[in-house]
N, C-alpha and C. Protein backbone atom coordinates (compact mmCIF):
# COMPACT_ATOMS: atom_id res chain seq x y z
N MET A 1 76.22 121.49 81.22
CA MET A 1 75.74 122.12 82.33
C MET A 1 75.85 123.80 82.34
N THR A 2 75.28 124.46 82.94
CA THR A 2 75.26 125.94 82.85
C THR A 2 76.22 126.36 83.87
N ARG A 3 76.67 127.61 83.94
CA ARG A 3 77.72 128.11 84.95
C ARG A 3 77.03 128.24 86.41
N SER A 4 75.67 128.46 86.22
CA SER A 4 74.95 128.31 87.46
C SER A 4 74.70 127.01 88.12
N GLU A 5 74.45 126.04 87.47
CA GLU A 5 74.38 124.54 87.94
C GLU A 5 75.81 124.24 88.29
N ILE A 6 76.84 124.45 87.48
CA ILE A 6 78.15 124.11 88.05
C ILE A 6 78.50 124.83 89.40
N ASP A 7 78.04 126.23 89.52
CA ASP A 7 78.44 126.77 90.88
C ASP A 7 77.34 126.12 92.00
N ASN A 8 76.28 125.87 91.60
CA ASN A 8 75.26 125.20 92.50
C ASN A 8 76.00 123.70 93.00
N GLU A 9 76.51 123.02 92.05
CA GLU A 9 77.17 121.64 92.49
C GLU A 9 78.49 121.91 93.31
N LEU A 10 79.20 122.96 93.00
CA LEU A 10 80.49 123.08 93.77
C LEU A 10 80.00 123.70 95.13
N SER A 11 78.93 124.40 95.32
CA SER A 11 78.48 124.94 96.66
C SER A 11 78.11 123.69 97.37
N SER A 12 77.38 122.84 96.65
CA SER A 12 76.81 121.75 97.32
C SER A 12 77.88 120.71 97.89
N ALA A 13 78.90 120.65 97.00
CA ALA A 13 80.12 119.74 97.52
C ALA A 13 80.75 120.27 98.37
N LEU A 14 80.99 121.48 98.37
CA LEU A 14 81.82 122.32 99.66
C LEU A 14 81.02 122.03 100.88
N GLN A 15 79.71 122.25 101.03
CA GLN A 15 78.92 121.81 102.06
C GLN A 15 79.00 120.50 102.51
N ASP A 16 79.03 119.65 101.69
CA ASP A 16 79.04 118.28 102.09
C ASP A 16 80.39 117.98 102.50
N ALA A 17 81.47 118.62 102.25
CA ALA A 17 82.77 118.25 102.59
C ALA A 17 82.71 118.58 104.10
N ARG A 18 81.93 119.23 104.71
CA ARG A 18 81.96 119.25 106.13
C ARG A 18 80.95 118.65 106.87
N SER A 19 80.37 117.72 106.00
CA SER A 19 79.28 116.69 106.79
C SER A 19 79.88 115.78 108.07
N ALA A 20 79.09 115.36 108.98
CA ALA A 20 79.70 114.41 109.92
C ALA A 20 79.97 112.96 109.20
N SER A 21 79.18 112.82 108.39
CA SER A 21 79.42 111.57 107.67
C SER A 21 80.59 111.15 106.81
N TRP A 22 81.18 110.13 107.27
CA TRP A 22 82.51 109.91 106.43
C TRP A 22 82.07 109.73 104.77
N SER A 23 81.03 109.04 104.48
CA SER A 23 80.69 108.58 103.07
C SER A 23 80.30 109.95 102.43
N VAL A 24 79.71 110.82 102.87
CA VAL A 24 79.28 112.22 102.36
C VAL A 24 80.55 112.84 102.07
N ARG A 25 81.52 113.12 103.15
CA ARG A 25 82.69 113.70 102.92
C ARG A 25 83.63 113.32 101.89
N ALA A 26 83.80 111.72 101.61
CA ALA A 26 84.31 111.17 100.68
C ALA A 26 83.74 111.54 99.43
N ALA A 27 82.71 111.40 99.26
CA ALA A 27 81.95 111.64 98.01
C ALA A 27 82.15 113.34 97.72
N ALA A 28 82.11 113.77 98.52
CA ALA A 28 82.46 115.25 98.36
C ALA A 28 83.88 115.57 97.86
N GLY A 29 84.76 114.94 98.34
CA GLY A 29 86.08 114.98 97.78
C GLY A 29 86.46 114.56 96.47
N ARG A 30 85.51 113.38 96.04
CA ARG A 30 85.63 112.94 94.54
C ARG A 30 84.81 114.04 93.74
N ARG A 31 83.85 114.63 94.20
CA ARG A 31 83.04 115.86 93.31
C ARG A 31 84.00 117.03 93.19
N LEU A 32 84.84 117.16 94.30
CA LEU A 32 85.43 118.63 94.21
C LEU A 32 86.74 118.54 93.61
N ALA A 33 87.32 117.11 93.31
CA ALA A 33 88.67 116.96 92.86
C ALA A 33 88.69 117.57 91.30
N GLY A 34 87.45 117.64 90.65
CA GLY A 34 87.64 118.14 89.27
C GLY A 34 87.66 119.67 89.22
N SER A 35 87.50 120.16 90.39
CA SER A 35 87.48 121.86 90.59
C SER A 35 88.19 122.09 91.36
N ALA A 36 89.72 121.43 91.43
CA ALA A 36 90.76 121.93 92.42
C ALA A 36 91.24 123.17 92.02
N GLU A 37 91.16 123.77 91.05
CA GLU A 37 91.72 124.98 90.77
C GLU A 37 90.92 126.27 90.92
N GLU A 38 89.58 125.89 91.47
CA GLU A 38 88.50 126.82 91.93
C GLU A 38 88.85 127.46 93.16
N ALA A 39 88.54 128.72 93.35
CA ALA A 39 88.84 129.25 94.63
C ALA A 39 88.16 128.67 95.75
N GLY A 40 89.00 128.67 96.66
CA GLY A 40 88.47 127.78 98.03
C GLY A 40 88.43 126.45 97.93
N VAL A 41 88.74 125.64 96.92
CA VAL A 41 88.42 124.24 96.92
C VAL A 41 89.73 123.62 97.24
N ALA A 42 90.83 124.22 97.07
CA ALA A 42 92.10 123.49 97.25
C ALA A 42 92.14 123.45 98.70
N ASP A 43 91.69 124.26 99.46
CA ASP A 43 91.96 124.39 101.07
C ASP A 43 90.98 123.01 101.65
N VAL A 44 89.79 123.07 101.08
CA VAL A 44 88.71 122.11 101.50
C VAL A 44 89.54 120.54 100.99
N LEU A 45 90.03 120.45 100.03
CA LEU A 45 90.45 119.17 99.51
C LEU A 45 91.62 118.74 100.20
N HIS A 46 92.29 119.68 100.89
CA HIS A 46 93.53 119.32 101.72
C HIS A 46 93.26 118.88 103.07
N ARG A 47 92.09 119.57 103.27
CA ARG A 47 91.56 119.15 104.64
C ARG A 47 91.15 117.80 104.59
N LEU A 48 90.54 117.38 103.59
CA LEU A 48 89.70 116.02 103.03
C LEU A 48 90.85 115.02 103.06
N LEU A 49 91.96 115.34 102.42
CA LEU A 49 93.12 114.46 102.21
C LEU A 49 93.51 113.90 103.58
N LEU A 50 93.60 114.98 104.48
CA LEU A 50 94.15 114.62 105.81
C LEU A 50 93.16 114.36 106.77
N ASP A 51 91.85 114.03 106.40
CA ASP A 51 90.76 113.74 107.25
C ASP A 51 91.16 112.82 108.67
N GLY A 52 90.92 113.47 109.75
CA GLY A 52 91.38 112.66 110.82
C GLY A 52 90.55 111.74 111.35
N GLN A 53 89.14 111.73 110.72
CA GLN A 53 88.00 110.96 111.40
C GLN A 53 87.93 109.77 110.49
N ASP A 54 88.13 109.67 109.19
CA ASP A 54 88.12 108.26 108.43
C ASP A 54 88.95 108.46 107.30
N THR A 55 89.86 107.33 107.21
CA THR A 55 90.81 107.17 106.07
C THR A 55 90.15 106.99 104.96
N ALA A 56 88.75 106.77 104.68
CA ALA A 56 88.13 106.39 103.58
C ALA A 56 88.18 107.66 102.73
N VAL A 57 87.99 108.67 103.37
CA VAL A 57 87.78 110.21 102.92
C VAL A 57 89.18 110.41 102.30
N THR A 58 90.04 110.12 103.06
CA THR A 58 91.45 110.45 102.40
C THR A 58 91.75 109.68 101.37
N ARG A 59 91.55 108.42 101.23
CA ARG A 59 91.92 107.71 100.07
C ARG A 59 90.94 108.06 98.92
N GLU A 60 89.61 108.29 99.13
CA GLU A 60 88.90 108.50 97.80
C GLU A 60 89.02 109.68 97.28
N THR A 61 89.29 110.85 98.30
CA THR A 61 89.76 112.24 97.86
C THR A 61 91.11 112.06 96.75
N ALA A 62 92.22 111.47 97.36
CA ALA A 62 93.33 111.21 96.81
C ALA A 62 93.37 110.31 95.43
N GLU A 63 92.35 109.45 95.50
CA GLU A 63 92.22 108.73 94.27
C GLU A 63 91.74 109.47 93.21
N ALA A 64 90.58 110.46 93.71
CA ALA A 64 89.91 111.43 92.47
C ALA A 64 91.16 112.60 91.87
N LEU A 65 91.82 112.85 92.97
CA LEU A 65 92.73 113.94 92.34
C LEU A 65 93.77 113.31 91.49
N LEU A 66 94.31 112.05 91.73
CA LEU A 66 95.19 111.36 91.12
C LEU A 66 94.74 110.89 89.56
N GLU A 67 93.36 110.52 89.60
CA GLU A 67 92.68 110.11 88.42
C GLU A 67 92.56 111.32 87.58
N ARG A 68 92.77 112.38 87.98
CA ARG A 68 92.75 113.68 86.96
C ARG A 68 94.18 113.46 85.97
N GLY A 69 95.25 112.87 86.40
CA GLY A 69 96.31 112.67 85.70
C GLY A 69 97.15 114.07 85.24
N ASP A 70 96.93 114.88 86.22
CA ASP A 70 97.70 116.37 85.96
C ASP A 70 98.60 116.49 87.07
N ILE A 71 99.28 117.82 86.91
CA ILE A 71 100.10 118.27 87.73
C ILE A 71 99.44 118.70 89.20
N CYS A 72 98.24 119.42 88.84
CA CYS A 72 97.51 119.90 89.97
C CYS A 72 97.13 118.69 91.04
N GLY A 73 96.62 117.64 90.33
CA GLY A 73 96.01 116.67 91.11
C GLY A 73 97.07 115.84 92.03
N LEU A 74 98.49 115.60 91.30
CA LEU A 74 99.22 114.82 91.93
C LEU A 74 100.10 115.90 93.16
N ARG A 75 100.30 117.32 92.56
CA ARG A 75 100.91 118.26 93.50
C ARG A 75 100.06 118.23 94.83
N MET A 76 98.54 118.28 94.70
CA MET A 76 97.75 118.29 96.03
C MET A 76 97.93 117.16 96.76
N VAL A 77 98.12 115.96 96.49
CA VAL A 77 98.48 114.81 97.19
C VAL A 77 99.66 114.83 97.54
N LEU A 78 100.64 115.26 97.00
CA LEU A 78 101.93 115.48 97.64
C LEU A 78 102.14 116.58 98.64
N VAL A 79 101.39 117.62 98.42
CA VAL A 79 101.20 118.56 99.68
C VAL A 79 100.83 117.78 100.99
N ALA A 80 99.69 117.14 100.77
CA ALA A 80 99.22 116.21 101.99
C ALA A 80 100.15 115.29 102.65
N LEU A 81 100.81 114.72 101.44
CA LEU A 81 101.74 113.53 102.04
C LEU A 81 103.01 113.99 102.99
N SER A 82 103.39 115.29 102.51
CA SER A 82 104.41 116.16 103.15
C SER A 82 104.10 116.57 104.71
N SER A 83 103.06 116.49 105.01
CA SER A 83 102.49 116.81 106.43
C SER A 83 101.78 115.82 107.09
N ALA A 84 101.33 114.74 106.39
CA ALA A 84 100.70 113.76 107.04
C ALA A 84 101.36 112.77 107.94
N ASP A 85 100.55 112.28 108.98
CA ASP A 85 101.03 111.12 109.80
C ASP A 85 101.31 110.11 109.06
N ASP A 86 101.90 109.15 109.93
CA ASP A 86 102.45 107.69 109.04
C ASP A 86 101.15 107.00 108.68
N GLY A 87 100.20 107.19 109.34
CA GLY A 87 98.88 106.22 109.05
C GLY A 87 98.07 106.79 107.68
N THR A 88 98.13 108.13 107.64
CA THR A 88 97.60 108.93 106.73
C THR A 88 98.40 108.69 105.22
N SER A 89 99.68 108.72 105.64
CA SER A 89 100.66 108.62 104.74
C SER A 89 100.54 107.25 104.03
N ASP A 90 100.12 106.26 104.63
CA ASP A 90 99.88 105.03 103.94
C ASP A 90 99.08 105.07 102.96
N TYR A 91 97.78 105.44 103.59
CA TYR A 91 96.70 105.64 102.54
C TYR A 91 96.99 106.53 101.22
N LEU A 92 97.66 107.43 101.24
CA LEU A 92 97.97 108.33 100.43
C LEU A 92 98.80 107.76 99.39
N ASP A 93 100.07 106.80 99.76
CA ASP A 93 100.86 106.11 99.12
C ASP A 93 100.00 104.94 98.48
N GLY A 94 99.00 104.54 99.09
CA GLY A 94 98.21 103.37 98.74
C GLY A 94 97.27 103.94 97.40
N ALA A 95 96.83 105.17 97.60
CA ALA A 95 96.05 105.75 96.31
C ALA A 95 96.96 105.78 95.33
N ILE A 96 98.41 106.44 95.49
CA ILE A 96 99.14 106.61 94.32
C ILE A 96 99.41 105.09 93.63
N ASN A 97 99.68 104.14 94.42
CA ASN A 97 99.82 102.91 93.95
C ASN A 97 98.74 102.32 93.19
N ASP A 98 97.62 102.41 93.74
CA ASP A 98 96.31 101.91 92.92
C ASP A 98 96.12 102.66 91.67
N VAL A 99 96.26 103.98 91.87
CA VAL A 99 95.82 104.51 90.52
C VAL A 99 96.83 105.06 89.72
N CYS A 100 98.11 105.20 90.02
CA CYS A 100 99.24 105.33 88.99
C CYS A 100 100.18 104.09 88.56
N CYS A 101 100.12 102.95 89.35
CA CYS A 101 101.10 101.98 89.17
C CYS A 101 100.59 100.77 88.88
N GLN A 102 99.36 100.62 88.17
CA GLN A 102 98.99 99.47 87.73
C GLN A 102 99.21 99.21 86.22
N SER A 103 99.82 100.20 85.62
CA SER A 103 100.08 99.63 84.24
C SER A 103 101.43 100.64 83.87
N GLU A 104 102.14 100.24 82.74
CA GLU A 104 103.18 100.92 82.21
C GLU A 104 102.93 102.26 81.90
N GLU A 105 101.77 102.65 81.38
CA GLU A 105 101.20 103.95 80.77
C GLU A 105 100.97 104.69 82.27
N GLY A 106 100.57 104.45 83.35
CA GLY A 106 100.31 104.94 84.63
C GLY A 106 101.66 105.31 85.24
N LEU A 107 102.61 104.22 85.38
CA LEU A 107 103.83 104.64 85.68
C LEU A 107 104.55 105.59 85.03
N ALA A 108 104.48 105.73 83.71
CA ALA A 108 105.09 106.69 82.95
C ALA A 108 104.57 108.25 83.22
N GLN A 109 103.22 108.09 83.26
CA GLN A 109 102.74 109.58 83.63
C GLN A 109 103.31 109.72 84.95
N LEU A 110 103.25 108.93 86.01
CA LEU A 110 103.51 109.36 87.31
C LEU A 110 105.07 109.88 87.34
N GLU A 111 106.00 109.13 86.39
CA GLU A 111 107.18 109.63 86.41
C GLU A 111 107.19 111.00 85.76
N GLU A 112 106.50 111.20 84.61
CA GLU A 112 106.69 112.42 84.06
C GLU A 112 106.19 113.82 84.80
N LEU A 113 105.04 113.26 85.58
CA LEU A 113 104.31 114.36 86.36
C LEU A 113 105.58 114.86 87.60
N SER A 114 105.95 113.75 87.94
CA SER A 114 106.71 113.80 89.44
C SER A 114 108.15 114.56 88.97
N SER A 115 108.83 114.27 87.44
CA SER A 115 109.95 114.85 87.29
C SER A 115 109.58 116.22 87.14
N VAL A 116 108.30 116.71 86.75
CA VAL A 116 108.30 118.12 86.72
C VAL A 116 108.07 118.61 88.36
N LEU A 117 107.65 118.00 89.10
CA LEU A 117 107.41 118.46 90.56
C LEU A 117 108.73 118.55 91.21
N VAL A 118 109.57 117.89 90.90
CA VAL A 118 110.93 117.87 91.61
C VAL A 118 111.55 119.23 91.40
N SER A 119 111.12 119.92 90.69
CA SER A 119 111.55 121.43 90.58
C SER A 119 110.47 122.23 91.19
N ASP A 120 109.57 121.82 91.86
CA ASP A 120 108.62 122.83 92.39
C ASP A 120 109.40 123.60 93.66
N ALA A 121 108.84 124.94 93.63
CA ALA A 121 109.29 125.81 94.74
C ALA A 121 109.26 125.41 96.02
N ASP A 122 108.37 124.70 96.38
CA ASP A 122 108.00 124.22 97.66
C ASP A 122 109.03 122.89 97.91
N ASP A 123 109.74 123.01 98.77
CA ASP A 123 110.74 121.98 99.17
C ASP A 123 109.95 120.58 99.42
N SER A 124 108.99 120.84 100.31
CA SER A 124 108.33 119.51 100.83
C SER A 124 107.56 118.78 99.77
N ILE A 125 107.25 119.58 98.55
CA ILE A 125 106.62 119.02 97.39
C ILE A 125 107.74 118.07 96.30
N SER A 126 108.74 119.10 96.41
CA SER A 126 110.02 118.48 95.48
C SER A 126 110.75 117.27 96.26
N ASN A 127 110.58 117.21 97.65
CA ASN A 127 110.92 116.30 98.11
C ASN A 127 110.09 114.90 97.97
N GLU A 128 108.80 115.02 98.30
CA GLU A 128 107.92 114.13 97.89
C GLU A 128 108.17 113.57 96.27
N ALA A 129 108.27 114.46 95.35
CA ALA A 129 108.15 113.96 94.11
C ALA A 129 109.59 113.16 93.89
N SER A 130 110.61 113.48 94.27
CA SER A 130 111.85 112.83 94.37
C SER A 130 111.41 111.29 95.05
N ARG A 131 111.20 111.40 96.02
CA ARG A 131 110.69 109.98 96.85
C ARG A 131 109.74 109.14 95.75
N ILE A 132 108.99 109.65 95.21
CA ILE A 132 108.06 109.02 94.28
C ILE A 132 108.81 108.25 93.08
N LEU A 133 109.84 109.19 92.49
CA LEU A 133 110.71 108.73 91.48
C LEU A 133 111.50 107.73 91.97
N ARG A 134 111.94 107.75 93.27
CA ARG A 134 112.99 106.65 93.67
C ARG A 134 112.22 105.35 93.94
N VAL A 135 110.87 105.68 94.53
CA VAL A 135 110.09 104.34 94.73
C VAL A 135 109.39 103.79 93.82
N TRP A 136 108.51 104.43 93.15
CA TRP A 136 107.50 103.91 92.23
C TRP A 136 107.89 104.24 90.87
N ALA A 137 108.37 105.16 90.29
CA ALA A 137 108.72 105.41 88.95
C ALA A 137 109.77 104.58 88.41
N ARG A 138 110.58 104.14 89.09
CA ARG A 138 111.79 103.11 88.63
C ARG A 138 111.16 101.65 88.71
N ARG A 139 110.15 101.06 88.89
CA ARG A 139 109.68 100.00 88.89
C ARG A 139 109.86 98.99 87.61
């Protein structure tokens, strides 16, 4: 893909993230997850993770971020968890379980990433990372 094509895809996904349709927003979250470091994308992903209209958007976006298997993806989910209501938290936790806790490798990776995020400068992220280590990584 050329840079122009990437920019067009990113622009399209950012526009879709504002759709009235939950399925279009969920697909946008999945498409944007791979570009979480791009300017302006993190705020949109955060909004999709906390989507107040449909939990499928929350779940799909969280799963896509977690499937990255990196600090950035997990950190974004933890940021959302730190401010989510109980219902949304359940869906975010469910995404962590389904993506990261279905194999020994997944659990090991979750523990490794969470161990790094325990030292995050943002207390809400370090607290969520500590909770993950207590709840999931010790299974």
